[in-house]
Amino acid sequence: MRVEDAIEGKIDSLSAGQKKEGRYLLAHIEESSYATLAKISRESDVRETTVIRLAYKLGFESFSTLPNAMQAELLGATDRE
């Protein structure tokens, strides 16, 4: 499943901070795929823990697997399942 699809599919069940983060990621997929946790948190104006919790909520094992999946999608390897 693509990261965008995962976010859009769960957006209604996310906390306010996670929704904000999810919308930020959707709007900034390319930049976020190569950014650090601290930078994503700062740019989206949410706490680092919110970013981490969103990654878990989307089904990722850790935060670091989220940008890795976004990078793979950008490079054309979209199957994460």
PDB file of N, CA and C in Angstrom:
ATOM      1  N   MET A   1       0.840  -1.179   0.000  1.00  0.00           N
ATOM      2  CA  MET A   1       0.000   0.000   0.000  1.00  0.00           C
ATOM      3  C   MET A   1       0.887   1.245   0.000  1.00  0.00           C
ATOM      4  N   ARG A   2       0.495   2.223  -0.796  1.00  0.00           N
ATOM      5  CA  ARG A   2       1.235   3.481  -0.866  1.00  0.00           C
ATOM      6  C   ARG A   2       1.012   4.302   0.404  1.00  0.00           C
ATOM      7  N   VAL A   3       2.008   5.098   0.759  1.00  0.00           N
ATOM      8  CA  VAL A   3       1.923   5.942   1.950  1.00  0.00           C
ATOM      9  C   VAL A   3       0.734   6.890   1.829  1.00  0.00           C
ATOM     10  N   GLU A   4       0.562   7.493   0.654  1.00  0.00           N
ATOM     11  CA  GLU A   4      -0.555   8.414   0.455  1.00  0.00           C
ATOM     12  C   GLU A   4      -1.884   7.719   0.703  1.00  0.00           C
ATOM     13  N   ASP A   5      -2.026   6.507   0.206  1.00  0.00           N
ATOM     14  CA  ASP A   5      -3.265   5.744   0.397  1.00  0.00           C
ATOM     15  C   ASP A   5      -3.479   5.411   1.864  1.00  0.00           C
ATOM     16  N   ALA A   6      -2.400   5.077   2.560  1.00  0.00           N
ATOM     17  CA  ALA A   6      -2.501   4.753   3.984  1.00  0.00           C
ATOM     18  C   ALA A   6      -2.962   5.970   4.777  1.00  0.00           C
ATOM     19  N   ILE A   7      -2.393   7.128   4.474  1.00  0.00           N
ATOM     20  CA  ILE A   7      -2.782   8.349   5.179  1.00  0.00           C
ATOM     21  C   ILE A   7      -4.234   8.687   4.877  1.00  0.00           C
ATOM     22  N   GLU A   8      -4.587   8.711   3.612  1.00  0.00           N
ATOM     23  CA  GLU A   8      -5.950   9.060   3.229  1.00  0.00           C
ATOM     24  C   GLU A   8      -6.970   8.076   3.784  1.00  0.00           C
ATOM     25  N   GLY A   9      -6.603   6.812   3.859  1.00  0.00           N
ATOM     26  CA  GLY A   9      -7.510   5.797   4.368  1.00  0.00           C
ATOM     27  C   GLY A   9      -7.755   5.881   5.863  1.00  0.00           C
ATOM     28  N   LYS A  10      -6.824   6.478   6.591  1.00  0.00           N
ATOM     29  CA  LYS A  10      -6.948   6.546   8.044  1.00  0.00           C
ATOM     30  C   LYS A  10      -7.136   7.954   8.575  1.00  0.00           C
ATOM     31  N   ILE A  11      -7.190   8.948   7.701  1.00  0.00           N
ATOM     32  CA  ILE A  11      -7.218  10.343   8.143  1.00  0.00           C
ATOM     33  C   ILE A  11      -8.354  10.632   9.117  1.00  0.00           C
ATOM     34  N   ASP A  12      -9.510  10.023   8.913  1.00  0.00           N
ATOM     35  CA  ASP A  12     -10.659  10.285   9.795  1.00  0.00           C
ATOM     36  C   ASP A  12     -10.472   9.727  11.199  1.00  0.00           C
ATOM     37  N   SER A  13      -9.618   8.725  11.348  1.00  0.00           N
ATOM     38  CA  SER A  13      -9.426   8.108  12.660  1.00  0.00           C
ATOM     39  C   SER A  13      -8.201   8.642  13.399  1.00  0.00           C
ATOM     40  N   LEU A  14      -7.540   9.631  12.840  1.00  0.00           N
ATOM     41  CA  LEU A  14      -6.330  10.177  13.446  1.00  0.00           C
ATOM     42  C   LEU A  14      -6.656  11.288  14.436  1.00  0.00           C
ATOM     43  N   SER A  15      -5.750  11.494  15.393  1.00  0.00           N
ATOM     44  CA  SER A  15      -5.875  12.620  16.318  1.00  0.00           C
ATOM     45  C   SER A  15      -5.667  13.914  15.528  1.00  0.00           C
ATOM     46  N   ALA A  16      -5.987  15.045  16.134  1.00  0.00           N
ATOM     47  CA  ALA A  16      -5.829  16.334  15.457  1.00  0.00           C
ATOM     48  C   ALA A  16      -4.384  16.557  15.009  1.00  0.00           C
ATOM     49  N   GLY A  17      -3.433  16.251  15.881  1.00  0.00           N
ATOM     50  CA  GLY A  17      -2.028  16.410  15.528  1.00  0.00           C
ATOM     51  C   GLY A  17      -1.596  15.473  14.421  1.00  0.00           C
ATOM     52  N   GLN A  18      -2.083  14.238  14.468  1.00  0.00           N
ATOM     53  CA  GLN A  18      -1.748  13.271  13.430  1.00  0.00           C
ATOM     54  C   GLN A  18      -2.364  13.671  12.090  1.00  0.00           C
ATOM     55  N   LYS A  19      -3.578  14.234  12.120  1.00  0.00           N
ATOM     56  CA  LYS A  19      -4.190  14.725  10.877  1.00  0.00           C
ATOM     57  C   LYS A  19      -3.352  15.842  10.282  1.00  0.00           C
ATOM     58  N   LYS A  20      -2.915  16.747  11.136  1.00  0.00           N
ATOM     59  CA  LYS A  20      -2.068  17.852  10.687  1.00  0.00           C
ATOM     60  C   LYS A  20      -0.795  17.314  10.053  1.00  0.00           C
ATOM     61  N   GLU A  21      -0.182  16.348  10.709  1.00  0.00           N
ATOM     62  CA  GLU A  21       1.036  15.727  10.195  1.00  0.00           C
ATOM     63  C   GLU A  21       0.763  14.982   8.898  1.00  0.00           C
ATOM     64  N   GLY A  22      -0.326  14.236   8.860  1.00  0.00           N
ATOM     65  CA  GLY A  22      -0.685  13.497   7.652  1.00  0.00           C
ATOM     66  C   GLY A  22      -0.880  14.414   6.462  1.00  0.00           C
ATOM     67  N   ARG A  23      -1.565  15.512   6.684  1.00  0.00           N
ATOM     68  CA  ARG A  23      -1.776  16.485   5.600  1.00  0.00           C
ATOM     69  C   ARG A  23      -0.449  17.101   5.162  1.00  0.00           C
ATOM     70  N   TYR A  24       0.418  17.358   6.131  1.00  0.00           N
ATOM     71  CA  TYR A  24       1.741  17.890   5.789  1.00  0.00           C
ATOM     72  C   TYR A  24       2.501  16.889   4.909  1.00  0.00           C
ATOM     73  N   LEU A  25       2.497  15.630   5.311  1.00  0.00           N
ATOM     74  CA  LEU A  25       3.210  14.615   4.524  1.00  0.00           C
ATOM     75  C   LEU A  25       2.639  14.500   3.118  1.00  0.00           C
ATOM     76  N   LEU A  26       1.321  14.532   2.999  1.00  0.00           N
ATOM     77  CA  LEU A  26       0.705  14.444   1.676  1.00  0.00           C
ATOM     78  C   LEU A  26       1.139  15.610   0.787  1.00  0.00           C
ATOM     79  N   ALA A  27       1.271  16.782   1.381  1.00  0.00           N
ATOM     80  CA  ALA A  27       1.645  17.971   0.614  1.00  0.00           C
ATOM     81  C   ALA A  27       3.150  18.072   0.358  1.00  0.00           C
ATOM     82  N   HIS A  28       3.942  17.319   1.126  1.00  0.00           N
ATOM     83  CA  HIS A  28       5.407  17.426   1.040  1.00  0.00           C
ATOM     84  C   HIS A  28       6.080  16.051   0.999  1.00  0.00           C
ATOM     85  N   ILE A  29       5.541  15.160   0.212  1.00  0.00           N
ATOM     86  CA  ILE A  29       6.062  13.778   0.157  1.00  0.00           C
ATOM     87  C   ILE A  29       7.555  13.759  -0.173  1.00  0.00           C
ATOM     88  N   GLU A  30       7.939  14.464  -1.208  1.00  0.00           N
ATOM     89  CA  GLU A  30       9.334  14.385  -1.644  1.00  0.00           C
ATOM     90  C   GLU A  30      10.294  14.923  -0.584  1.00  0.00           C
ATOM     91  N   GLU A  31      10.012  16.107  -0.048  1.00  0.00           N
ATOM     92  CA  GLU A  31      10.901  16.684   0.963  1.00  0.00           C
ATOM     93  C   GLU A  31      10.935  15.821   2.229  1.00  0.00           C
ATOM     94  N   SER A  32       9.774  15.324   2.630  1.00  0.00           N
ATOM     95  CA  SER A  32       9.678  14.537   3.863  1.00  0.00           C
ATOM     96  C   SER A  32      10.372  13.190   3.756  1.00  0.00           C
ATOM     97  N   SER A  33      10.452  12.657   2.558  1.00  0.00           N
ATOM     98  CA  SER A  33      11.049  11.329   2.401  1.00  0.00           C
ATOM     99  C   SER A  33      12.540  11.322   2.716  1.00  0.00           C
ATOM    100  N   TYR A  34      13.169  12.493   2.673  1.00  0.00           N
ATOM    101  CA  TYR A  34      14.601  12.576   2.959  1.00  0.00           C
ATOM    102  C   TYR A  34      14.911  13.433   4.184  1.00  0.00           C
ATOM    103  N   ALA A  35      13.872  13.808   4.936  1.00  0.00           N
ATOM    104  CA  ALA A  35      14.061  14.674   6.102  1.00  0.00           C
ATOM    105  C   ALA A  35      14.191  13.853   7.382  1.00  0.00           C
ATOM    106  N   THR A  36      14.800  14.457   8.377  1.00  0.00           N
ATOM    107  CA  THR A  36      14.912  13.826   9.692  1.00  0.00           C
ATOM    108  C   THR A  36      13.601  13.987  10.448  1.00  0.00           C
ATOM    109  N   LEU A  37      13.459  13.200  11.485  1.00  0.00           N
ATOM    110  CA  LEU A  37      12.294  13.305  12.354  1.00  0.00           C
ATOM    111  C   LEU A  37      12.170  14.728  12.893  1.00  0.00           C
ATOM    112  N   ALA A  38      13.271  15.298  13.349  1.00  0.00           N
ATOM    113  CA  ALA A  38      13.245  16.650  13.909  1.00  0.00           C
ATOM    114  C   ALA A  38      12.796  17.673  12.874  1.00  0.00           C
ATOM    115  N   LYS A  39      13.276  17.554  11.669  1.00  0.00           N
ATOM    116  CA  LYS A  39      12.902  18.511  10.618  1.00  0.00           C
ATOM    117  C   LYS A  39      11.429  18.371  10.253  1.00  0.00           C
ATOM    118  N   ILE A  40      10.950  17.155  10.095  1.00  0.00           N
ATOM    119  CA  ILE A  40       9.534  16.947   9.773  1.00  0.00           C
ATOM    120  C   ILE A  40       8.665  17.513  10.888  1.00  0.00           C
ATOM    121  N   SER A  41       9.043  17.255  12.113  1.00  0.00           N
ATOM    122  CA  SER A  41       8.299  17.761  13.261  1.00  0.00           C
ATOM    123  C   SER A  41       8.268  19.287  13.262  1.00  0.00           C
ATOM    124  N   ARG A  42       9.403  19.880  13.058  1.00  0.00           N
ATOM    125  CA  ARG A  42       9.507  21.344  13.061  1.00  0.00           C
ATOM    126  C   ARG A  42       8.714  21.955  11.904  1.00  0.00           C
ATOM    127  N   GLU A  43       8.877  21.414  10.713  1.00  0.00           N
ATOM    128  CA  GLU A  43       8.213  21.960   9.524  1.00  0.00           C
ATOM    129  C   GLU A  43       6.696  21.811   9.587  1.00  0.00           C
ATOM    130  N   SER A  44       6.220  20.735  10.178  1.00  0.00           N
ATOM    131  CA  SER A  44       4.774  20.503  10.245  1.00  0.00           C
ATOM    132  C   SER A  44       4.158  21.047  11.525  1.00  0.00           C
ATOM    133  N   ASP A  45       5.002  21.559  12.427  1.00  0.00           N
ATOM    134  CA  ASP A  45       4.560  22.163  13.679  1.00  0.00           C
ATOM    135  C   ASP A  45       3.792  21.184  14.573  1.00  0.00           C
ATOM    136  N   VAL A  46       4.335  19.978  14.689  1.00  0.00           N
ATOM    137  CA  VAL A  46       3.812  18.989  15.635  1.00  0.00           C
ATOM    138  C   VAL A  46       4.994  18.421  16.405  1.00  0.00           C
ATOM    139  N   ARG A  47       4.712  17.766  17.499  1.00  0.00           N
ATOM    140  CA  ARG A  47       5.782  17.152  18.300  1.00  0.00           C
ATOM    141  C   ARG A  47       6.334  15.918  17.598  1.00  0.00           C
ATOM    142  N   GLU A  48       7.575  15.607  17.905  1.00  0.00           N
ATOM    143  CA  GLU A  48       8.206  14.419  17.322  1.00  0.00           C
ATOM    144  C   GLU A  48       7.415  13.159  17.657  1.00  0.00           C
ATOM    145  N   THR A  49       6.892  13.095  18.872  1.00  0.00           N
ATOM    146  CA  THR A  49       6.115  11.907  19.250  1.00  0.00           C
ATOM    147  C   THR A  49       4.867  11.753  18.380  1.00  0.00           C
ATOM    148  N   THR A  50       4.299  12.855  17.923  1.00  0.00           N
ATOM    149  CA  THR A  50       3.135  12.796  17.041  1.00  0.00           C
ATOM    150  C   THR A  50       3.516  12.160  15.706  1.00  0.00           C
ATOM    151  N   VAL A  51       4.672  12.528  15.193  1.00  0.00           N
ATOM    152  CA  VAL A  51       5.154  11.963  13.933  1.00  0.00           C
ATOM    153  C   VAL A  51       5.380  10.462  14.096  1.00  0.00           C
ATOM    154  N   ILE A  52       5.991  10.082  15.196  1.00  0.00           N
ATOM    155  CA  ILE A  52       6.260   8.667  15.468  1.00  0.00           C
ATOM    156  C   ILE A  52       4.955   7.896  15.607  1.00  0.00           C
ATOM    157  N   ARG A  53       4.009   8.436  16.348  1.00  0.00           N
ATOM    158  CA  ARG A  53       2.722   7.760  16.538  1.00  0.00           C
ATOM    159  C   ARG A  53       1.963   7.625  15.221  1.00  0.00           C
ATOM    160  N   LEU A  54       2.079   8.622  14.364  1.00  0.00           N
ATOM    161  CA  LEU A  54       1.435   8.521  13.049  1.00  0.00           C
ATOM    162  C   LEU A  54       2.037   7.365  12.255  1.00  0.00           C
ATOM    163  N   ALA A  55       3.341   7.235  12.288  1.00  0.00           N
ATOM    164  CA  ALA A  55       3.988   6.132  11.575  1.00  0.00           C
ATOM    165  C   ALA A  55       3.450   4.791  12.059  1.00  0.00           C
ATOM    166  N   TYR A  56       3.331   4.625  13.368  1.00  0.00           N
ATOM    167  CA  TYR A  56       2.775   3.379  13.916  1.00  0.00           C
ATOM    168  C   TYR A  56       1.321   3.201  13.495  1.00  0.00           C
ATOM    169  N   LYS A  57       0.548   4.265  13.555  1.00  0.00           N
ATOM    170  CA  LYS A  57      -0.875   4.204  13.202  1.00  0.00           C
ATOM    171  C   LYS A  57      -1.056   3.790  11.742  1.00  0.00           C
ATOM    172  N   LEU A  58      -0.104   4.176  10.895  1.00  0.00           N
ATOM    173  CA  LEU A  58      -0.174   3.826   9.479  1.00  0.00           C
ATOM    174  C   LEU A  58       0.337   2.415   9.200  1.00  0.00           C
ATOM    175  N   GLY A  59       0.835   1.742  10.232  1.00  0.00           N
ATOM    176  CA  GLY A  59       1.261   0.359  10.077  1.00  0.00           C
ATOM    177  C   GLY A  59       2.756   0.154   9.890  1.00  0.00           C
ATOM    178  N   PHE A  60       3.545   1.182  10.121  1.00  0.00           N
ATOM    179  CA  PHE A  60       4.990   1.050   9.993  1.00  0.00           C
ATOM    180  C   PHE A  60       5.592   0.564  11.305  1.00  0.00           C
ATOM    181  N   GLU A  61       6.698  -0.154  11.210  1.00  0.00           N
ATOM    182  CA  GLU A  61       7.360  -0.716  12.393  1.00  0.00           C
ATOM    183  C   GLU A  61       8.032   0.357  13.236  1.00  0.00           C
ATOM    184  N   SER A  62       8.440   1.447  12.597  1.00  0.00           N
ATOM    185  CA  SER A  62       9.112   2.545  13.283  1.00  0.00           C
ATOM    186  C   SER A  62       8.991   3.783  12.408  1.00  0.00           C
ATOM    187  N   PHE A  63       9.416   4.919  12.943  1.00  0.00           N
ATOM    188  CA  PHE A  63       9.389   6.127  12.126  1.00  0.00           C
ATOM    189  C   PHE A  63      10.274   5.979  10.899  1.00  0.00           C
ATOM    190  N   SER A  64      11.456   5.411  11.064  1.00  0.00           N
ATOM    191  CA  SER A  64      12.415   5.356   9.952  1.00  0.00           C
ATOM    192  C   SER A  64      11.905   4.556   8.755  1.00  0.00           C
ATOM    193  N   THR A  65      10.995   3.644   8.980  1.00  0.00           N
ATOM    194  CA  THR A  65      10.456   2.896   7.846  1.00  0.00           C
ATOM    195  C   THR A  65       9.461   3.718   7.030  1.00  0.00           C
ATOM    196  N   LEU A  66       8.900   4.770   7.625  1.00  0.00           N
ATOM    197  CA  LEU A  66       7.972   5.638   6.893  1.00  0.00           C
ATOM    198  C   LEU A  66       8.685   6.413   5.784  1.00  0.00           C
ATOM    199  N   PRO A  67       9.743   7.187   6.075  1.00  0.00           N
ATOM    200  CA  PRO A  67      10.421   7.866   4.969  1.00  0.00           C
ATOM    201  C   PRO A  67      11.070   6.895   3.979  1.00  0.00           C
ATOM    202  N   ASN A  68      11.488   5.741   4.465  1.00  0.00           N
ATOM    203  CA  ASN A  68      12.036   4.740   3.544  1.00  0.00           C
ATOM    204  C   ASN A  68      10.981   4.310   2.532  1.00  0.00           C
ATOM    205  N   ALA A  69       9.749   4.129   2.976  1.00  0.00           N
ATOM    206  CA  ALA A  69       8.654   3.746   2.077  1.00  0.00           C
ATOM    207  C   ALA A  69       8.361   4.885   1.101  1.00  0.00           C
ATOM    208  N   MET A  70       8.402   6.116   1.576  1.00  0.00           N
ATOM    209  CA  MET A  70       8.162   7.255   0.692  1.00  0.00           C
ATOM    210  C   MET A  70       9.270   7.348  -0.363  1.00  0.00           C
ATOM    211  N   GLN A  71      10.508   7.104   0.049  1.00  0.00           N
ATOM    212  CA  GLN A  71      11.626   7.119  -0.897  1.00  0.00           C
ATOM    213  C   GLN A  71      11.439   6.044  -1.963  1.00  0.00           C
ATOM    214  N   ALA A  72      11.071   4.852  -1.533  1.00  0.00           N
ATOM    215  CA  ALA A  72      10.871   3.750  -2.479  1.00  0.00           C
ATOM    216  C   ALA A  72       9.767   4.084  -3.479  1.00  0.00           C
ATOM    217  N   GLU A  73       8.695   4.710  -3.004  1.00  0.00           N
ATOM    218  CA  GLU A  73       7.603   5.098  -3.894  1.00  0.00           C
ATOM    219  C   GLU A  73       8.077   6.135  -4.909  1.00  0.00           C
ATOM    220  N   LEU A  74       8.856   7.091  -4.448  1.00  0.00           N
ATOM    221  CA  LEU A  74       9.368   8.115  -5.354  1.00  0.00           C
ATOM    222  C   LEU A  74      10.289   7.521  -6.412  1.00  0.00           C
ATOM    223  N   LEU A  75      10.966   6.454  -6.043  1.00  0.00           N
ATOM    224  CA  LEU A  75      11.880   5.790  -6.979  1.00  0.00           C
ATOM    225  C   LEU A  75      11.174   4.741  -7.833  1.00  0.00           C
ATOM    226  N   GLY A  76       9.867   4.559  -7.592  1.00  0.00           N
ATOM    227  CA  GLY A  76       9.096   3.670  -8.443  1.00  0.00           C
ATOM    228  C   GLY A  76       8.821   2.295  -7.877  1.00  0.00           C
ATOM    229  N   ALA A  77       9.308   1.983  -6.694  1.00  0.00           N
ATOM    230  CA  ALA A  77       9.047   0.670  -6.065  1.00  0.00           C
ATOM    231  C   ALA A  77       7.940   0.857  -5.043  1.00  0.00           C
ATOM    232  N   THR A  78       6.691   0.852  -5.487  1.00  0.00           N
ATOM    233  CA  THR A  78       5.575   1.238  -4.626  1.00  0.00           C
ATOM    234  C   THR A  78       4.988   0.109  -3.801  1.00  0.00           C
ATOM    235  N   ASP A  79       5.353  -1.109  -4.025  1.00  0.00           N
ATOM    236  CA  ASP A  79       4.770  -2.209  -3.245  1.00  0.00           C
ATOM    237  C   ASP A  79       5.453  -2.350  -1.899  1.00  0.00           C
ATOM    238  N   ARG A  80       4.699  -2.040  -0.832  1.00  0.00           N
ATOM    239  CA  ARG A  80       5.211  -2.138   0.541  1.00  0.00           C
ATOM    240  C   ARG A  80       4.654  -3.363   1.233  1.00  0.00           C
ATOM    241  N   GLU A  81       3.681  -3.988   0.664  1.00  0.00           N
ATOM    242  CA  GLU A  81       2.991  -5.110   1.302  1.00  0.00           C
ATOM    243  C   GLU A  81       3.836  -6.355   1.315  1.00  0.00           C
TER     244      GLU A  81
END
